[in-house]
């Protein structure tokens, strides 16, 4: 009798532990996925899984942009799971009492994640434009990470505030059953509508994948990136020097990777710009020019940057030209451009 009671207690403890894991497995999985995203956007290799246009990089980018921001918002909006008896209803359909359920079923949660992402990501892109932060992979990846982490943390807090038996949890067995059951409606029209929605989502994902992997023009494309050297002697697209002293030099590295066949000549112009509150350039100083013909492999050029003007929030800009650069180089006439914000003191 005592042995049976002990086994029951162990079973209860195991079920409680599994339930606790289920309640936050989606949060942990998303945080781990964001680590993979950060690794992908910091990769400077032209080939491989994380290379430019590589399959893993494309997959990670698609999920990060088209699903994660919206899913993070659903954790804030809906911290609970549907009440018993509401789980198997049709998508976006009333309950038998004639009211909408208090929480979305799995299919609705997935669709909301996709739809909310399509609504939120463009707004974030507008924010990057207003702040003049640019759209390089690292900036977009960091903005996406922030767009996911903040609501995800808030959603976790909201979930913890709910009674344990009402908290939303992820169950693989329940998920598989819901995905199949969610497509089946009570009528043929309902089923066709659900299938059409799913096919629409798949179509958007496929088109997005083609847009990311397809070359921008012609038979190839050019990747232009700014790098710095970390403590291990590796080049990374991060940790750029932000504080300079006028007349003193610091090292930076730019990289031009060309996938076009044959030789291509490039010129990179480095300029330091003073920008007003409206984004207009009030002062510009050309620091250096570099010219090279790319044939086989990327062009990696480590160089010294020596600022010639002082001030806060100066824009150190790299302008890439296919061929010879003009006499008045600026972002408007460059083929590609990169920049970082720096402050330059006079050293006193």
Protein backbone atom coordinates (compact mmCIF):
# COMPACT_ATOMS: atom_id res chain seq x y z
CA UNK A 1 0.00 0.00 0.00
CA UNK A 2 2.80 2.37 0.97
CA UNK A 3 4.73 1.46 -2.21
CA UNK A 4 1.70 2.24 -4.35
CA UNK A 5 1.23 5.60 -2.63
CA UNK A 6 4.91 6.42 -3.18
CA UNK A 7 4.62 5.56 -6.88
CA UNK A 8 1.56 7.79 -7.18
CA UNK A 9 3.42 10.68 -5.53
CA UNK A 10 6.35 10.22 -7.91
CA UNK A 11 3.96 10.15 -10.85
CA UNK A 12 2.33 13.38 -9.68
CA UNK A 13 5.72 15.07 -9.27
CA UNK A 14 6.78 13.91 -12.76
CA UNK A 15 3.57 15.22 -14.32
CA UNK A 16 3.98 18.57 -12.58
CA UNK A 17 7.60 18.82 -13.78
CA UNK A 18 6.62 17.96 -17.35
CA UNK A 19 3.78 20.47 -17.19
CA UNK A 20 6.18 23.20 -16.03
CA UNK A 21 8.56 22.41 -18.90
CA UNK A 22 5.67 22.43 -21.40
CA UNK A 23 4.54 25.85 -20.18
CA UNK A 24 7.79 27.52 -21.22
CA UNK A 25 9.31 25.25 -23.86
CA UNK A 26 8.26 27.68 -26.60
CA UNK A 27 9.98 30.58 -24.82
CA UNK A 28 13.23 28.64 -24.43
CA UNK A 29 13.08 27.42 -28.04
CA UNK A 30 12.64 30.97 -29.35
CA UNK A 31 15.54 32.29 -27.26
CA UNK A 32 17.77 29.50 -28.59
CA UNK A 33 16.61 30.30 -32.11
CA UNK A 34 17.60 33.93 -31.62
CA UNK A 35 21.11 32.77 -30.72
CA UNK A 36 21.24 30.96 -34.07
CA UNK A 37 19.95 34.12 -35.78
CA UNK A 38 22.74 36.20 -34.24
CA UNK A 39 25.31 33.66 -35.42
CA UNK A 40 23.85 33.77 -38.93
CA UNK A 41 23.87 37.56 -39.30
CA UNK A 42 27.44 37.77 -38.01
CA UNK A 43 28.74 35.23 -40.49
CA UNK A 44 30.94 36.81 -43.15
CA UNK A 45 31.51 33.64 -45.17
CA UNK A 46 30.34 33.80 -48.80
CA UNK A 47 29.42 30.09 -48.92
CA UNK A 48 28.19 27.37 -46.57
CA UNK A 49 25.02 27.00 -44.51
CA UNK A 50 25.40 30.45 -42.97
CA UNK A 51 26.92 31.95 -46.13
CA UNK A 52 25.22 34.57 -48.24
CA UNK A 53 22.10 32.92 -49.63
CA UNK A 54 22.92 29.69 -47.78
CA UNK A 55 19.94 27.44 -46.97
CA UNK A 56 20.25 27.69 -43.20
CA UNK A 57 20.66 31.46 -43.28
CA UNK A 58 17.59 31.80 -45.50
CA UNK A 59 15.49 29.54 -43.27
CA UNK A 60 16.56 31.36 -40.11
CA UNK A 61 15.83 34.74 -41.69
CA UNK A 62 12.38 33.70 -42.89
CA UNK A 63 11.32 32.34 -39.50
CA UNK A 64 12.74 35.36 -37.69
CA UNK A 65 10.92 37.88 -39.88
CA UNK A 66 7.66 36.10 -40.75
CA UNK A 67 6.83 34.24 -37.54
CA UNK A 68 8.73 35.09 -34.35
CA UNK A 69 7.66 38.74 -33.83
CA UNK A 70 4.00 37.80 -34.18
CA UNK A 71 4.32 34.74 -31.96
CA UNK A 72 5.99 36.83 -29.27
CA UNK A 73 3.01 39.20 -29.38
CA UNK A 74 0.55 36.32 -29.02
CA UNK A 75 2.26 35.35 -25.75
CA UNK A 76 1.34 38.81 -24.45
CA UNK A 77 -2.18 38.91 -25.85
CA UNK A 78 -3.12 35.30 -25.05
CA UNK A 79 -1.20 33.84 -22.08
CA UNK A 80 -3.80 31.09 -21.56
CA UNK A 81 -4.96 28.10 -23.57
CA UNK A 82 -8.60 27.64 -24.69
CA UNK A 83 -10.97 26.35 -22.06
CA UNK A 84 -11.94 22.70 -22.15
CA UNK A 85 -14.31 22.02 -25.01
CA UNK A 86 -13.11 24.96 -27.11
CA UNK A 87 -9.89 23.41 -28.43
CA UNK A 88 -11.34 21.61 -31.44
CA UNK A 89 -13.62 24.33 -32.78
CA UNK A 90 -13.20 25.79 -36.27
CA UNK A 91 -10.66 28.54 -36.72
CA UNK A 92 -12.07 32.01 -35.94
CA UNK A 93 -15.47 30.54 -35.11
CA UNK A 94 -17.83 31.09 -32.16
CA UNK A 95 -18.32 28.56 -29.39
CA UNK A 96 -21.59 26.76 -28.85
CA UNK A 97 -22.70 29.65 -26.61
CA UNK A 98 -22.38 32.01 -29.59
CA UNK A 99 -19.34 33.84 -28.17
CA UNK A 100 -15.74 33.86 -29.34
CA UNK A 101 -13.47 31.81 -27.07
CA UNK A 102 -11.22 33.52 -24.52
CA UNK A 103 -8.02 32.24 -26.18
CA UNK A 104 -7.12 31.18 -29.73
CA UNK A 105 -6.70 27.56 -30.67
CA UNK A 106 -3.40 26.40 -32.09
CA UNK A 107 -4.25 27.04 -35.73
CA UNK A 108 -5.43 30.54 -34.95
CA UNK A 109 -2.34 31.21 -32.87
CA UNK A 110 -0.10 30.21 -35.77
CA UNK A 111 -2.05 32.34 -38.23
CA UNK A 112 -2.01 35.29 -35.83
CA UNK A 113 1.75 34.89 -35.46
CA UNK A 114 2.16 35.13 -39.21
CA UNK A 115 -0.30 38.00 -39.64
CA UNK A 116 1.03 40.04 -36.73
CA UNK A 117 4.58 39.61 -38.04
CA UNK A 118 3.52 40.99 -41.42
CA UNK A 119 2.03 43.99 -39.62
CA UNK A 120 4.84 44.66 -37.15
CA UNK A 121 7.99 44.06 -39.21
CA UNK A 122 7.26 46.84 -41.76
CA UNK A 123 6.66 49.26 -38.88
CA UNK A 124 10.02 48.28 -37.42
CA UNK A 125 11.57 48.87 -40.84
CA UNK A 126 10.10 52.37 -40.88
CA UNK A 127 11.61 52.95 -37.46
CA UNK A 128 15.06 51.98 -38.74
CA UNK A 129 14.61 54.42 -41.61
CA UNK A 130 13.55 57.28 -39.33
CA UNK A 131 16.52 56.64 -37.05
CA UNK A 132 18.87 56.41 -40.07
CA UNK A 133 20.20 53.06 -38.86
CA UNK A 134 20.27 51.42 -42.27
CA UNK A 135 19.18 47.95 -43.37
CA UNK A 136 22.36 45.91 -43.23
CA UNK A 137 21.87 42.30 -42.04
CA UNK A 138 23.25 42.94 -38.57
CA UNK A 139 21.03 45.97 -37.93
CA UNK A 140 17.92 44.17 -39.17
CA UNK A 141 18.83 41.06 -37.17
CA UNK A 142 19.39 43.04 -33.97
CA UNK A 143 16.14 44.95 -34.46
CA UNK A 144 14.26 41.69 -35.03
CA UNK A 145 15.81 40.19 -31.91
CA UNK A 146 14.67 43.18 -29.88
CA UNK A 147 11.24 42.97 -31.49
CA UNK A 148 10.95 39.38 -30.29
CA UNK A 149 12.64 39.45 -26.87
CA UNK A 150 10.72 42.37 -25.35
CA UNK A 151 7.17 41.04 -25.92
CA UNK A 152 8.36 37.49 -25.20
CA UNK A 153 9.57 38.52 -21.74
CA UNK A 154 6.34 40.41 -21.10
CA UNK A 155 4.35 37.41 -22.30
CA UNK A 156 6.28 35.12 -19.96
CA UNK A 157 5.42 37.38 -17.03
CA UNK A 158 1.76 37.37 -18.04
CA UNK A 159 1.78 33.58 -18.34
CA UNK A 160 3.25 33.26 -14.84
CA UNK A 161 0.45 35.44 -13.49
CA UNK A 162 -2.18 33.04 -14.78
CA UNK A 163 -3.40 30.05 -12.74
CA UNK A 164 -1.19 27.07 -13.54
CA UNK A 165 -4.02 25.02 -15.00
CA UNK A 166 -4.90 27.86 -17.42
CA UNK A 167 -1.40 28.71 -18.68
CA UNK A 168 -0.76 28.17 -22.36
CA UNK A 169 1.50 25.19 -22.96
CA UNK A 170 3.02 23.53 -25.99
CA UNK A 171 2.35 19.81 -26.35
CA UNK A 172 3.72 17.99 -29.40
CA UNK A 173 0.98 15.36 -29.42
CA UNK A 174 -1.74 18.00 -29.05
CA UNK A 175 -0.09 20.16 -31.70
CA UNK A 176 -0.07 17.40 -34.32
CA UNK A 177 -3.70 16.59 -33.61
CA UNK A 178 -4.73 20.25 -33.83
CA UNK A 179 -2.90 20.90 -37.09
CA UNK A 180 -4.79 18.07 -38.77
CA UNK A 181 -8.11 18.77 -37.10
CA UNK A 182 -7.92 22.52 -37.62
CA UNK A 183 -8.10 22.14 -41.39
CA UNK A 184 -11.29 20.10 -41.30
CA UNK A 185 -14.45 22.16 -41.13
CA UNK A 186 -18.04 21.16 -40.58
CA UNK A 187 -18.77 21.92 -44.23
CA UNK A 188 -16.78 21.64 -47.43
CA UNK A 189 -16.68 25.44 -47.69
CA UNK A 190 -15.10 25.72 -44.23
CA UNK A 191 -12.46 23.15 -45.11
CA UNK A 192 -11.64 24.85 -48.42
CA UNK A 193 -11.34 28.21 -46.67
CA UNK A 194 -8.90 26.81 -44.12
CA UNK A 195 -6.83 25.12 -46.83
CA UNK A 196 -6.77 28.36 -48.86
CA UNK A 197 -5.43 30.28 -45.86
CA UNK A 198 -2.66 27.72 -45.34
CA UNK A 199 -1.75 27.75 -49.03
CA UNK A 200 -1.60 31.55 -48.92
CA UNK A 201 0.84 31.41 -46.02
CA UNK A 202 2.98 28.85 -47.86
CA UNK A 203 2.96 31.03 -50.99
CA UNK A 204 4.19 34.07 -49.06
CA UNK A 205 6.97 32.01 -47.48
CA UNK A 206 8.07 30.63 -50.86
CA UNK A 207 8.07 34.08 -52.49
CA UNK A 208 10.04 35.50 -49.56
CA UNK A 209 12.59 32.69 -49.86
CA UNK A 210 13.03 33.39 -53.56
CA UNK A 211 13.43 37.10 -52.87
CA UNK A 212 16.15 36.45 -50.29
CA UNK A 213 18.09 33.87 -52.29
CA UNK A 214 17.76 35.36 -55.77
CA UNK A 215 20.57 37.60 -56.98
CA UNK A 216 19.72 41.29 -57.06
CA UNK A 217 20.58 41.61 -60.74
CA UNK A 218 22.38 39.71 -63.47
CA UNK A 219 24.13 36.43 -62.71
CA UNK A 220 25.51 37.42 -59.33
CA UNK A 221 25.59 39.99 -56.59
CA UNK A 222 28.06 41.84 -54.41
CA UNK A 223 28.18 41.71 -50.63
CA UNK A 224 29.73 44.73 -48.93
CA UNK A 225 30.42 44.50 -45.19
CA UNK A 226 32.35 46.34 -42.51
CA UNK A 227 34.36 44.26 -40.04
CA UNK A 228 36.43 44.66 -36.90
CA UNK A 229 38.93 42.34 -35.25
CA UNK A 230 37.92 40.77 -31.93
CA UNK A 231 40.16 39.62 -29.09
CA UNK A 232 40.73 36.23 -30.77
CA UNK A 233 42.01 37.82 -33.97
CA UNK A 234 38.82 36.99 -35.89
CA UNK A 235 36.96 39.40 -38.13
CA UNK A 236 33.37 40.01 -36.99
CA UNK A 237 30.62 42.35 -38.15
CA UNK A 238 30.39 43.92 -34.71
CA UNK A 239 32.25 45.87 -32.02
CA UNK A 240 33.27 48.76 -34.24
CA UNK A 241 35.33 51.52 -32.61
CA UNK A 242 33.01 54.34 -31.57
CA UNK A 243 35.44 56.75 -29.88
CA UNK A 244 38.22 58.44 -31.85
CA UNK A 245 40.76 61.16 -31.17
CA UNK A 246 41.42 63.65 -33.96
CA UNK A 247 44.68 62.88 -35.73
CA UNK A 248 44.97 59.39 -34.24
CA UNK A 249 44.25 56.22 -36.20
CA UNK A 250 42.20 53.10 -35.48
CA UNK A 251 41.98 49.96 -37.59
CA UNK A 252 38.88 48.84 -39.46
CA UNK A 253 38.32 46.33 -42.25
CA UNK A 254 35.90 46.25 -45.15
CA UNK A 255 35.08 43.23 -47.26
CA UNK A 256 33.77 42.98 -50.82
CA UNK A 257 32.56 39.54 -51.93
CA UNK A 258 31.61 39.28 -55.59
CA UNK A 259 29.71 36.30 -57.02
CA UNK A 260 29.80 37.55 -60.61
CA UNK A 261 32.05 35.49 -62.90
CA UNK A 262 35.15 37.18 -64.24
CA UNK A 263 37.00 40.25 -63.07
CA UNK A 264 35.23 43.27 -61.59
CA UNK A 265 36.88 46.52 -60.50
CA UNK A 266 35.66 48.28 -57.39
CA UNK A 267 36.51 51.47 -55.58
CA UNK A 268 35.71 52.18 -51.93
CA UNK A 269 35.64 55.74 -50.63
CA UNK A 270 35.75 56.45 -46.89
CA UNK A 271 34.18 59.74 -45.77
CA UNK A 272 33.40 61.33 -42.41
CA UNK A 273 30.15 63.31 -42.31
CA UNK A 274 28.50 65.73 -39.93
CA UNK A 275 24.73 65.26 -40.05
CA UNK A 276 21.99 67.58 -38.80
CA UNK A 277 18.80 66.53 -37.01
CA UNK A 278 16.96 66.13 -40.32
CA UNK A 279 19.56 63.76 -41.76
CA UNK A 280 21.17 66.32 -44.04
CA UNK A 281 24.94 66.38 -44.42
CA UNK A 282 26.37 69.72 -43.28
CA UNK A 283 30.05 68.83 -43.59
CA UNK A 284 31.88 66.05 -45.38
CA UNK A 285 35.57 65.08 -45.31
CA UNK A 286 37.01 62.41 -47.58
CA UNK A 287 39.45 60.23 -45.63
CA UNK A 288 40.67 57.68 -48.17
CA UNK A 289 40.07 55.77 -51.40
CA UNK A 290 40.83 52.14 -52.19
CA UNK A 291 40.68 50.47 -55.60
CA UNK A 292 40.91 46.78 -56.41
CA UNK A 293 39.99 44.27 -59.11
CA UNK A 294 38.14 41.26 -57.69
CA UNK A 295 38.61 37.99 -59.56
CA UNK A 296 38.72 34.92 -57.35
CA UNK A 297 37.72 35.28 -53.71
CA UNK A 298 36.67 38.29 -51.64
CA UNK A 299 38.54 41.55 -51.32
CA UNK A 300 39.38 42.11 -47.65
CA UNK A 301 41.13 45.39 -46.87
CA UNK A 302 42.31 46.30 -43.39
CA UNK A 303 43.06 50.00 -43.13
CA UNK A 304 43.54 52.86 -40.68
CA UNK A 305 40.89 55.51 -40.10
CA UNK A 306 42.21 58.93 -39.07
CA UNK A 307 39.38 61.44 -38.46
CA UNK A 308 39.95 64.99 -39.62
CA UNK A 309 37.04 66.66 -37.80
CA UNK A 310 35.75 66.54 -34.23
CA UNK A 311 32.28 66.20 -32.77
CA UNK A 312 29.68 63.73 -31.50
CA UNK A 313 27.52 61.50 -33.68
CA UNK A 314 29.64 61.82 -36.78
CA UNK A 315 28.87 59.36 -39.57
CA UNK A 316 31.80 57.29 -40.80
CA UNK A 317 30.58 56.19 -44.23
CA UNK A 318 31.95 53.62 -46.68
CA UNK A 319 30.85 54.07 -50.30
CA UNK A 320 31.24 51.20 -52.78
CA UNK A 321 31.37 51.87 -56.52
CA UNK A 322 31.36 49.37 -59.35
CA UNK A 323 34.22 50.86 -61.32
CA UNK A 324 35.70 54.30 -60.70
CA UNK A 325 34.21 56.55 -58.01
CA UNK A 326 33.06 60.07 -58.95
CA UNK A 327 34.77 63.23 -57.78
CA UNK A 328 31.92 64.00 -55.35
CA UNK A 329 31.24 60.64 -53.65
CA UNK A 330 28.11 60.41 -51.49
CA UNK A 331 25.45 57.88 -50.56
CA UNK A 332 23.12 59.05 -53.32
CA UNK A 333 25.51 58.07 -56.12
CA UNK A 334 27.11 54.98 -54.53
CA UNK A 335 26.20 51.44 -55.56
CA UNK A 336 26.26 50.39 -51.90
CA UNK A 337 27.04 52.16 -48.65
CA UNK A 338 27.77 51.31 -45.03
CA UNK A 339 28.18 53.56 -42.03
CA UNK A 340 28.79 53.61 -38.30
CA UNK A 341 28.31 56.44 -35.83
CA UNK A 342 31.45 57.71 -34.09
CA UNK A 343 32.50 60.50 -31.76
CA UNK A 344 35.79 62.31 -32.28
CA UNK A 345 37.43 64.34 -29.51
CA UNK A 346 40.28 66.80 -29.87
CA UNK A 347 42.43 64.89 -27.37
CA UNK A 348 42.65 67.67 -24.77
